[in-house]
Amino acid sequence: QVQLVESGGGLVQAGGSLRLSCAASGRIFNFARMGWYRQARINQRELVAVITGEGSTNYSDSVKGRFTISMDNAKNTVYLQMNSLKPEDTAVYYCYWRGFEGYWGKGTPVTVSE
C-alpha cells in the first residue's frame, strides 16, 4: 500500500498562486510516476500534470505556462506550483502515484474567485 497526503489547497483570487504538495509513504518502491488530476463538480477527473522518475513532465494544455510540477525524491514528495490562477481552475485536486499499482490521494480543494 502507498499512502498519499496532500496539502496546500485553499481559496485564492484570480491571478494568485498556490502550491500543492503530495507526500508518498509506504511501499513506494517500483515508483514510475506521480501526478495531479482535478475534478470540477460533475466533470470527469482530468490530468493536470505528471512527472516521471526520470524527471520528464507533461501538462494539460489548459495549464501549460502557468503550472509547474516538480519532485523532491529525497522526501518522496511532488509539488504543483500554480500561478496566474483562473476561476476555471477551481476543482478538487488529486495526487496520483503509480508503480505496479496506482494510488490516489483524498484530494484537496482549490477555489479561485473572480
Protein backbone atom coordinates (compact mmCIF):
# COMPACT_ATOMS: atom_id res chain seq x y z
CA GLN A 1 0.00 0.00 0.00
CA VAL A 2 1.02 3.56 -0.71
CA GLN A 3 -0.30 6.45 1.31
CA LEU A 4 -0.58 9.92 -0.18
CA VAL A 5 -1.04 13.05 1.88
CA GLU A 6 -1.96 16.21 0.00
CA SER A 7 -1.82 19.76 1.26
CA GLY A 8 -1.83 23.33 0.03
CA GLY A 9 -5.31 23.81 -1.36
CA GLY A 10 -7.46 26.76 -0.46
CA LEU A 11 -9.17 29.91 -1.63
CA VAL A 12 -7.34 32.42 -3.80
CA GLN A 13 -8.29 35.32 -6.02
CA ALA A 14 -7.89 35.12 -9.77
CA GLY A 15 -4.31 35.85 -10.75
CA GLY A 16 -2.98 34.49 -7.49
CA SER A 17 -0.83 31.46 -6.74
CA LEU A 18 -0.99 28.28 -4.72
CA ARG A 19 1.43 25.43 -4.15
CA LEU A 20 0.14 21.91 -3.67
CA SER A 21 2.20 19.19 -2.05
CA CYS A 22 1.77 15.43 -2.01
CA ALA A 23 3.92 13.21 0.18
CA ALA A 24 4.08 9.49 -0.56
CA SER A 25 4.87 6.84 2.03
CA GLY A 26 4.59 3.11 2.44
CA ARG A 27 5.57 0.64 -0.28
CA ILE A 28 6.89 3.25 -2.65
CA PHE A 29 9.47 1.19 -4.47
CA ASN A 30 8.82 0.48 -8.15
CA PHE A 31 7.86 4.13 -8.50
CA ALA A 32 7.08 5.12 -12.08
CA ARG A 33 5.36 8.49 -11.96
CA MET A 34 3.36 10.89 -9.86
CA GLY A 35 0.93 13.50 -10.94
CA TRP A 36 -2.01 15.74 -10.26
CA TYR A 37 -5.52 15.38 -11.56
CA ARG A 38 -8.50 17.57 -10.90
CA GLN A 39 -12.24 17.21 -10.89
CA ALA A 40 -14.65 20.10 -11.03
CA ARG A 41 -18.23 19.42 -9.91
CA ILE A 42 -19.74 16.79 -12.20
CA ASN A 43 -16.93 16.87 -14.71
CA GLN A 44 -14.67 13.93 -15.27
CA ARG A 45 -11.35 13.79 -13.48
CA GLU A 46 -8.73 15.22 -15.81
CA LEU A 47 -4.96 15.17 -15.92
CA VAL A 48 -3.25 18.37 -14.85
CA ALA A 49 0.42 17.43 -14.77
CA VAL A 50 2.60 14.37 -14.36
CA ILE A 51 6.28 13.75 -13.61
CA THR A 52 8.20 10.52 -14.10
CA GLY A 53 11.01 9.08 -12.05
CA GLU A 54 13.41 10.34 -14.72
CA GLY A 55 12.07 13.85 -14.35
CA SER A 56 10.07 14.05 -17.54
CA THR A 57 6.96 16.18 -17.25
CA ASN A 58 3.70 16.53 -19.11
CA TYR A 59 0.96 19.12 -18.72
CA SER A 60 -2.55 19.59 -19.93
CA ASP A 61 -2.88 22.39 -22.47
CA SER A 62 -5.05 24.38 -20.10
CA VAL A 63 -2.28 24.80 -17.53
CA LYS A 64 0.87 24.97 -19.67
CA GLY A 65 2.92 28.02 -18.86
CA ARG A 66 1.08 28.59 -15.56
CA PHE A 67 1.60 25.41 -13.54
CA THR A 68 4.86 23.65 -12.75
CA ILE A 69 5.22 20.14 -11.37
CA SER A 70 8.36 19.13 -9.51
CA MET A 71 9.54 16.38 -7.25
CA ASP A 72 11.80 16.05 -4.25
CA ASN A 73 13.00 12.46 -4.48
CA ALA A 74 14.55 12.52 -1.03
CA LYS A 75 11.20 13.44 0.50
CA ASN A 76 9.08 11.37 -1.90
CA THR A 77 7.05 14.49 -2.41
CA VAL A 78 5.62 16.03 -5.54
CA TYR A 79 4.69 19.69 -5.81
CA LEU A 80 2.40 21.62 -8.10
CA GLN A 81 3.14 25.33 -8.30
CA MET A 82 0.07 27.04 -9.68
CA ASN A 83 0.43 30.62 -10.88
CA SER A 84 -1.93 33.00 -12.67
CA LEU A 85 -4.87 31.03 -11.37
CA LYS A 86 -8.22 31.38 -13.12
CA PRO A 87 -11.74 30.69 -11.87
CA GLU A 88 -11.88 27.70 -14.23
CA ASP A 89 -9.04 26.13 -12.25
CA THR A 90 -11.48 25.66 -9.38
CA ALA A 91 -11.67 21.94 -8.62
CA VAL A 92 -10.64 19.25 -6.20
CA TYR A 93 -7.05 18.33 -6.97
CA TYR A 94 -6.00 14.73 -6.52
CA CYS A 95 -2.50 13.35 -6.22
CA TYR A 96 -1.75 10.13 -8.09
CA TRP A 97 1.11 7.72 -7.58
CA ARG A 98 1.92 4.94 -9.99
CA GLY A 99 4.22 1.95 -9.60
CA PHE A 100 3.00 -1.58 -10.24
CA GLU A 101 -0.32 -0.26 -8.97
CA GLY A 102 -1.93 3.16 -8.86
CA TYR A 103 -2.98 5.05 -5.77
CA TRP A 104 -4.99 8.21 -5.26
CA GLY A 105 -4.91 10.81 -2.57
CA LYS A 106 -8.11 12.05 -0.93
CA GLY A 107 -7.99 15.35 -2.76
CA THR A 108 -7.51 18.96 -1.77
CA PRO A 109 -9.94 21.68 -2.88
CA VAL A 110 -8.82 24.72 -4.80
CA THR A 111 -11.21 27.61 -5.24
CA VAL A 112 -10.33 30.59 -7.42
CA SER A 113 -12.62 33.57 -7.03
CA GLU A 114 -13.21 36.31 -9.61
